[in-house]
């Protein structure tokens, strides 16, 4: 009986896809192109970290499945020859490629990988309207689109592609690994599960009644935005800091609002996300199929991080002997953004990718 149901489901999928294709053909809709939109890309080095003399750097663009053109910094080891293993990097949530993701990408390129650090849809130098909105689906797709780009390069081995997701993009990375079998290895660093924190609050402190009230507030904001014809922003990291700010908020401030990590295009450094971005995360759990990931996953988190429970719980759901959790002694959430405390385990990350991108 179960086999029959599976066969029927498969047949229906094929039928719908075939009918859709015939309809598109009969109506001359089979000419969809994949042209990138023109983006205004900064050519100067405007990162919050110094430029390495061990890699070649360039700006690249690619298109995701929703037609949004993404901007990325590409780092290639100098004197590289042949087809290289490649890594796509993004995050943290509300950051840009000139911050943490670029540092990770450049460092891994120094170690022999071709890497890209990309701005997610609607943010940074990437395209997409309205600006400063997040989506569990589209932002997962951003990682898959990065794999599209890497897979089609002559200097990349398409069988040796991995991804790194930092903070909120750690959850997106795991979600991408669950759907994209081309991803052979995934690293998350100081991971947030954005669905969980939006739906349940920090430390799962929100109940159903509070969640309902949050929905009411967010939907009231939608009405306001519709009347105004513009989208209100939620504000970035609070500045100035109130005296009673939680220590992890002070940690964020010390990165995003100071010379250490401030960037003019970073949402967290400036006006923040579209206020209603939380709606889709509340309604769409990110990690529903993470237990079906067959490729290798390395989950890294700081011992002292307020967000540590996200990584530990995500790791518990992963299956197979190619999954690993690494807790960095004494490290906070933001310590893994820029390695100021020397705690990012680059040796371990390199070893992990070399073992799993063969």
Protein backbone atom coordinates (compact mmCIF):
# COMPACT_ATOMS: atom_id res chain seq x y z
CA UNK A 1 0.00 0.00 0.00
CA UNK A 2 2.79 2.44 0.96
CA UNK A 3 4.64 1.60 -2.26
CA UNK A 4 1.50 2.33 -4.27
CA UNK A 5 1.07 5.69 -2.57
CA UNK A 6 4.71 6.58 -3.28
CA UNK A 7 4.30 5.57 -6.91
CA UNK A 8 1.10 7.63 -7.20
CA UNK A 9 2.80 10.67 -5.62
CA UNK A 10 5.74 10.37 -8.00
CA UNK A 11 3.38 10.01 -10.95
CA UNK A 12 1.42 13.10 -9.90
CA UNK A 13 4.60 15.14 -9.58
CA UNK A 14 5.73 14.05 -13.04
CA UNK A 15 2.24 14.75 -14.41
CA UNK A 16 2.06 18.26 -12.95
CA UNK A 17 5.58 19.08 -14.13
CA UNK A 18 4.84 17.74 -17.61
CA UNK A 19 1.55 19.64 -17.89
CA UNK A 20 3.31 22.77 -16.68
CA UNK A 21 6.02 22.31 -19.29
CA UNK A 22 3.48 21.76 -22.06
CA UNK A 23 1.52 24.80 -20.99
CA UNK A 24 4.67 26.91 -20.95
CA UNK A 25 5.69 25.60 -24.37
CA UNK A 26 2.26 26.21 -25.90
CA UNK A 27 2.22 29.75 -24.57
CA UNK A 28 5.77 30.62 -25.57
CA UNK A 29 6.87 30.85 -21.96
CA UNK A 30 9.86 28.56 -22.37
CA UNK A 31 12.27 31.43 -23.01
CA UNK A 32 13.07 32.33 -19.41
CA UNK A 33 16.57 33.74 -19.20
CA UNK A 34 18.97 33.90 -16.28
CA UNK A 35 20.48 37.32 -16.78
CA UNK A 36 22.00 39.09 -13.78
CA UNK A 37 20.76 42.55 -12.96
CA UNK A 38 23.33 45.30 -12.93
CA UNK A 39 24.56 46.00 -9.41
CA UNK A 40 26.60 48.94 -8.20
CA UNK A 41 29.61 47.15 -6.72
CA UNK A 42 32.25 48.93 -4.70
CA UNK A 43 35.70 48.25 -6.12
CA UNK A 44 37.70 49.64 -3.21
CA UNK A 45 38.76 47.42 -0.30
CA UNK A 46 36.21 48.39 2.34
CA UNK A 47 36.34 45.35 4.61
CA UNK A 48 36.68 45.49 8.39
CA UNK A 49 39.68 43.16 8.14
CA UNK A 50 43.03 43.64 6.33
CA UNK A 51 43.58 42.38 2.79
CA UNK A 52 45.69 39.25 2.47
CA UNK A 53 48.66 39.11 0.09
CA UNK A 54 48.22 35.34 -0.22
CA UNK A 55 45.04 35.42 -2.29
CA UNK A 56 43.57 37.13 -5.33
CA UNK A 57 40.34 39.01 -4.69
CA UNK A 58 37.56 40.01 -7.09
CA UNK A 59 33.87 40.89 -7.10
CA UNK A 60 31.41 38.44 -8.72
CA UNK A 61 27.65 38.19 -9.13
CA UNK A 62 25.22 35.31 -9.61
CA UNK A 63 21.48 34.84 -9.72
CA UNK A 64 19.28 32.82 -7.39
CA UNK A 65 16.19 30.84 -8.37
CA UNK A 66 13.94 33.78 -7.50
CA UNK A 67 15.68 36.04 -10.00
CA UNK A 68 17.62 38.05 -7.42
CA UNK A 69 21.23 38.86 -8.30
CA UNK A 70 23.63 38.32 -5.43
CA UNK A 71 26.96 40.09 -4.95
CA UNK A 72 29.97 38.26 -3.59
CA UNK A 73 33.65 38.66 -2.90
CA UNK A 74 35.70 35.82 -4.39
CA UNK A 75 39.04 34.77 -2.95
CA UNK A 76 41.39 32.48 -4.88
CA UNK A 77 44.76 31.23 -3.56
CA UNK A 78 47.62 32.79 -5.48
CA UNK A 79 49.35 30.43 -7.92
CA UNK A 80 46.40 28.02 -7.70
CA UNK A 81 46.21 25.47 -10.51
CA UNK A 82 43.61 22.92 -11.55
CA UNK A 83 40.15 22.43 -10.11
CA UNK A 84 39.95 23.55 -6.49
CA UNK A 85 37.66 22.62 -3.62
CA UNK A 86 35.32 25.54 -3.00
CA UNK A 87 33.41 27.06 -0.07
CA UNK A 88 30.53 29.56 0.02
CA UNK A 89 30.21 31.66 3.19
CA UNK A 90 27.50 33.96 4.57
CA UNK A 91 26.41 35.54 7.84
CA UNK A 92 25.97 36.72 10.51
CA UNK A 93 22.28 37.65 10.38
CA UNK A 94 22.20 41.37 9.59
CA UNK A 95 25.87 41.55 8.59
CA UNK A 96 27.49 41.99 5.16
CA UNK A 97 30.27 40.20 3.33
CA UNK A 98 32.74 42.90 4.36
CA UNK A 99 32.45 41.67 7.94
CA UNK A 100 32.70 38.13 9.38
CA UNK A 101 31.88 36.08 6.28
CA UNK A 102 34.61 37.80 4.28
CA UNK A 103 37.16 37.11 7.00
CA UNK A 104 36.26 33.41 7.04
CA UNK A 105 36.32 33.27 3.24
CA UNK A 106 39.67 35.00 2.88
CA UNK A 107 41.25 32.85 5.59
CA UNK A 108 40.05 29.62 4.00
CA UNK A 109 41.35 30.82 0.63
CA UNK A 110 44.75 31.29 2.26
CA UNK A 111 44.51 27.61 3.11
CA UNK A 112 43.93 26.46 -0.45
CA UNK A 113 40.19 26.75 -1.11
CA UNK A 114 38.42 28.90 -3.69
CA UNK A 115 35.88 30.82 -1.63
CA UNK A 116 33.07 33.33 -1.96
CA UNK A 117 31.47 35.47 0.74
CA UNK A 118 28.08 36.70 -0.43
CA UNK A 119 25.52 39.25 0.65
CA UNK A 120 22.11 37.58 1.07
CA UNK A 121 19.12 38.71 -0.98
CA UNK A 122 17.81 42.21 -0.21
CA UNK A 123 20.94 43.21 1.72
CA UNK A 124 24.37 44.70 1.19
CA UNK A 125 25.37 44.99 -2.45
CA UNK A 126 22.99 42.22 -3.52
CA UNK A 127 19.74 42.93 -5.36
CA UNK A 128 16.14 42.42 -4.36
CA UNK A 129 13.25 44.68 -3.40
CA UNK A 130 12.05 45.68 -0.89
CA UNK A 131 15.32 46.17 0.91
CA UNK A 132 16.29 44.65 4.24
CA UNK A 133 13.85 41.75 4.36
CA UNK A 134 14.73 38.18 5.34
CA UNK A 135 13.11 34.88 4.37
CA UNK A 136 13.87 31.32 5.53
CA UNK A 137 13.18 30.04 2.02
CA UNK A 138 14.88 32.70 -0.11
CA UNK A 139 17.91 32.93 2.16
CA UNK A 140 18.34 29.15 2.10
CA UNK A 141 18.10 29.40 -1.69
CA UNK A 142 20.91 31.98 -1.60
CA UNK A 143 23.29 29.23 -0.42
CA UNK A 144 22.05 26.89 -3.16
CA UNK A 145 22.54 29.63 -5.74
CA UNK A 146 26.11 30.06 -4.50
CA UNK A 147 26.60 26.35 -5.16
CA UNK A 148 25.17 26.87 -8.68
CA UNK A 149 27.78 29.54 -9.28
CA UNK A 150 30.67 27.51 -7.92
CA UNK A 151 29.60 24.32 -9.69
CA UNK A 152 29.81 25.94 -13.11
CA UNK A 153 33.29 27.46 -12.75
CA UNK A 154 36.15 25.84 -14.66
CA UNK A 155 38.49 26.24 -11.69
CA UNK A 156 36.17 24.48 -9.20
CA UNK A 157 35.67 20.76 -8.69
CA UNK A 158 31.84 20.49 -8.49
CA UNK A 159 32.16 17.35 -6.36
CA UNK A 160 34.08 19.26 -3.67
CA UNK A 161 31.86 22.13 -2.58
CA UNK A 162 31.14 23.10 1.02
CA UNK A 163 29.45 25.96 2.85
CA UNK A 164 29.98 27.96 6.05
CA UNK A 165 27.08 29.69 7.81
CA UNK A 166 27.75 32.14 10.64
CA UNK A 167 25.19 33.12 13.30
CA UNK A 168 21.71 33.20 11.69
CA UNK A 169 23.14 31.89 8.44
CA UNK A 170 24.25 28.80 10.34
CA UNK A 171 20.62 27.72 10.43
CA UNK A 172 20.25 28.59 6.74
CA UNK A 173 23.35 26.51 5.98
CA UNK A 174 21.96 23.43 7.72
CA UNK A 175 18.67 23.94 5.90
CA UNK A 176 20.55 24.21 2.59
CA UNK A 177 22.49 21.03 3.35
CA UNK A 178 19.16 19.26 3.93
CA UNK A 179 17.87 20.14 0.45
CA UNK A 180 21.02 20.43 -1.70
CA UNK A 181 22.87 17.14 -2.21
CA UNK A 182 25.65 18.96 -4.05
CA UNK A 183 26.84 20.34 -0.71
CA UNK A 184 29.36 17.82 0.53
CA UNK A 185 30.29 19.46 3.83
CA UNK A 186 28.76 22.16 6.05
CA UNK A 187 30.25 24.22 8.88
CA UNK A 188 28.16 26.37 11.19
CA UNK A 189 29.77 28.87 13.52
CA UNK A 190 28.00 30.45 16.51
CA UNK A 191 24.67 29.35 14.99
CA UNK A 192 21.23 30.86 15.50
CA UNK A 193 18.00 29.07 14.59
CA UNK A 194 16.15 32.15 13.35
CA UNK A 195 12.78 30.36 13.19
CA UNK A 196 13.05 29.26 16.79
CA UNK A 197 14.19 32.58 18.24
CA UNK A 198 11.51 34.53 16.35
CA UNK A 199 8.72 32.12 17.29
CA UNK A 200 9.79 31.33 20.85
CA UNK A 201 11.93 34.26 21.95
CA UNK A 202 15.33 33.95 23.56
CA UNK A 203 15.73 30.82 25.67
CA UNK A 204 12.25 29.68 24.53
CA UNK A 205 10.64 32.15 26.91
CA UNK A 206 7.61 32.97 24.73
CA UNK A 207 4.31 31.09 25.07
CA UNK A 208 1.45 30.78 22.57
CA UNK A 209 -0.38 33.83 23.92
CA UNK A 210 2.72 36.00 23.64
CA UNK A 211 3.32 34.68 20.15
CA UNK A 212 -0.24 35.65 19.21
CA UNK A 213 0.33 39.16 20.51
CA UNK A 214 3.53 39.36 18.49
CA UNK A 215 1.65 38.33 15.37
CA UNK A 216 -0.94 41.05 16.03
CA UNK A 217 1.81 43.67 16.36
CA UNK A 218 3.57 42.54 13.20
CA UNK A 219 0.37 42.43 11.16
CA UNK A 220 -0.63 45.86 12.43
CA UNK A 221 2.76 47.02 11.17
CA UNK A 222 1.93 45.55 7.76
CA UNK A 223 -1.17 47.76 7.62
CA UNK A 224 0.91 50.81 8.56
CA UNK A 225 3.50 49.96 5.91
CA UNK A 226 0.78 49.49 3.29
CA UNK A 227 -0.72 52.88 4.10
CA UNK A 228 2.67 54.59 4.06
CA UNK A 229 3.88 52.85 0.94
CA UNK A 230 7.19 52.06 2.64
CA UNK A 231 8.60 49.53 5.06
CA UNK A 232 9.55 50.59 8.57
CA UNK A 233 12.88 49.33 9.86
CA UNK A 234 13.31 47.73 13.25
CA UNK A 235 16.58 49.43 14.11
CA UNK A 236 19.98 47.79 14.29
CA UNK A 237 21.96 47.06 17.44
CA UNK A 238 20.78 49.48 20.12
CA UNK A 239 22.93 52.59 20.45
CA UNK A 240 23.66 54.08 22.88
CA UNK A 241 23.55 51.09 25.16
CA UNK A 242 21.14 51.29 28.10
CA UNK A 243 22.69 50.57 31.47
CA UNK A 244 20.60 47.42 31.90
CA UNK A 245 21.41 45.94 28.47
CA UNK A 246 22.06 42.16 28.62
CA UNK A 247 25.73 41.29 28.32
CA UNK A 248 25.26 39.67 24.92
CA UNK A 249 23.72 42.89 23.58
CA UNK A 250 26.80 44.70 24.82
CA UNK A 251 28.83 42.07 22.97
CA UNK A 252 26.96 42.86 19.73
CA UNK A 253 27.43 46.60 20.29
CA UNK A 254 31.16 46.09 20.76
CA UNK A 255 31.32 44.56 17.28
CA UNK A 256 28.71 46.29 15.11
CA UNK A 257 28.83 49.79 16.57
CA UNK A 258 32.57 50.28 16.97
CA UNK A 259 35.55 50.48 14.62
CA UNK A 260 36.08 46.78 15.28
CA UNK A 261 33.20 45.70 13.04
CA UNK A 262 31.10 48.68 11.89
CA UNK A 263 30.22 48.78 8.20
CA UNK A 264 28.05 51.33 6.42
CA UNK A 265 26.04 48.63 4.60
CA UNK A 266 25.52 46.39 7.62
CA UNK A 267 21.92 46.28 8.86
CA UNK A 268 23.02 45.60 12.41
CA UNK A 269 25.43 48.53 12.31
CA UNK A 270 22.70 50.87 11.08
CA UNK A 271 18.89 50.83 10.63
CA UNK A 272 18.23 47.11 10.92
CA UNK A 273 15.78 44.77 9.20
CA UNK A 274 12.31 45.44 7.87
CA UNK A 275 10.13 45.18 11.03
CA UNK A 276 7.87 42.49 9.59
CA UNK A 277 10.67 40.11 8.55
CA UNK A 278 9.97 37.99 11.62
CA UNK A 279 6.59 36.83 10.28
CA UNK A 280 7.90 34.22 7.84
CA UNK A 281 10.32 32.79 10.39
CA UNK A 282 7.59 32.41 13.00
CA UNK A 283 5.51 30.41 10.55
CA UNK A 284 8.19 28.30 8.81
CA UNK A 285 10.57 26.15 10.90
CA UNK A 286 14.03 26.02 9.32
CA UNK A 287 15.40 22.70 10.49
CA UNK A 288 12.46 20.38 9.78
CA UNK A 289 14.50 17.93 7.67
CA UNK A 290 17.96 18.36 9.18
CA UNK A 291 17.84 14.78 10.46
CA UNK A 292 17.96 13.64 6.81
CA UNK A 293 21.30 15.32 6.00
CA UNK A 294 23.73 12.64 4.81
CA UNK A 295 26.73 14.90 4.16
CA UNK A 296 29.21 15.94 6.83
CA UNK A 297 28.37 18.75 9.29
CA UNK A 298 30.64 20.50 11.81
CA UNK A 299 28.80 22.63 14.40
CA UNK A 300 30.99 25.16 16.24
CA UNK A 301 29.93 27.31 19.18
CA UNK A 302 31.42 29.25 22.08
CA UNK A 303 31.15 27.86 25.59
CA UNK A 304 30.03 31.21 27.03
CA UNK A 305 27.71 32.17 24.16
CA UNK A 306 24.11 33.00 25.08
CA UNK A 307 23.14 31.21 21.84
CA UNK A 308 24.93 27.94 22.55
CA UNK A 309 21.66 26.02 22.97
CA UNK A 310 20.81 26.55 19.28
CA UNK A 311 23.87 24.60 18.16
CA UNK A 312 23.58 21.91 20.80
CA UNK A 313 19.93 21.23 20.00
CA UNK A 314 20.52 21.35 16.24
CA UNK A 315 23.37 18.88 16.63
CA UNK A 316 21.20 16.45 18.61
CA UNK A 317 18.89 16.15 15.61
CA UNK A 318 21.68 15.37 13.12
CA UNK A 319 22.28 11.72 12.32
CA UNK A 320 25.29 9.75 11.15
CA UNK A 321 28.91 9.41 12.22
CA UNK A 322 30.04 12.33 10.03
CA UNK A 323 28.51 14.99 12.30
CA UNK A 324 30.53 16.79 14.98
CA UNK A 325 29.91 19.41 17.68
CA UNK A 326 32.85 21.58 18.77
CA UNK A 327 32.49 23.86 21.80
CA UNK A 328 35.21 26.52 22.11
CA UNK A 329 36.23 27.01 25.78
CA UNK A 330 35.63 30.50 27.15
CA UNK A 331 34.32 31.93 23.85
CA UNK A 332 31.27 34.17 23.57
CA UNK A 333 28.92 34.43 20.57
CA UNK A 334 30.71 37.41 19.01
CA UNK A 335 34.21 36.05 19.67
CA UNK A 336 33.61 33.77 16.67
CA UNK A 337 32.83 36.73 14.40
CA UNK A 338 36.33 38.10 13.96
CA UNK A 339 38.78 35.97 15.90
CA UNK A 340 39.83 38.92 18.08
CA UNK A 341 40.26 36.47 20.93
CA UNK A 342 42.03 33.97 18.68
CA UNK A 343 39.28 31.38 19.11
CA UNK A 344 38.05 30.62 15.58
CA UNK A 345 39.28 27.05 15.00
CA UNK A 346 40.55 27.53 11.44
CA UNK A 347 42.82 24.48 11.69
CA UNK A 348 39.84 22.31 12.57
CA UNK A 349 37.69 23.85 9.82
CA UNK A 350 40.43 23.23 7.25
CA UNK A 351 40.88 19.64 8.42
CA UNK A 352 37.13 19.04 8.29
CA UNK A 353 36.82 20.30 4.73
CA UNK A 354 39.90 18.43 3.52
CA UNK A 355 38.54 15.18 4.93
CA UNK A 356 35.07 15.66 3.48
CA UNK A 357 35.74 17.44 0.18
CA UNK A 358 37.66 14.61 -1.43
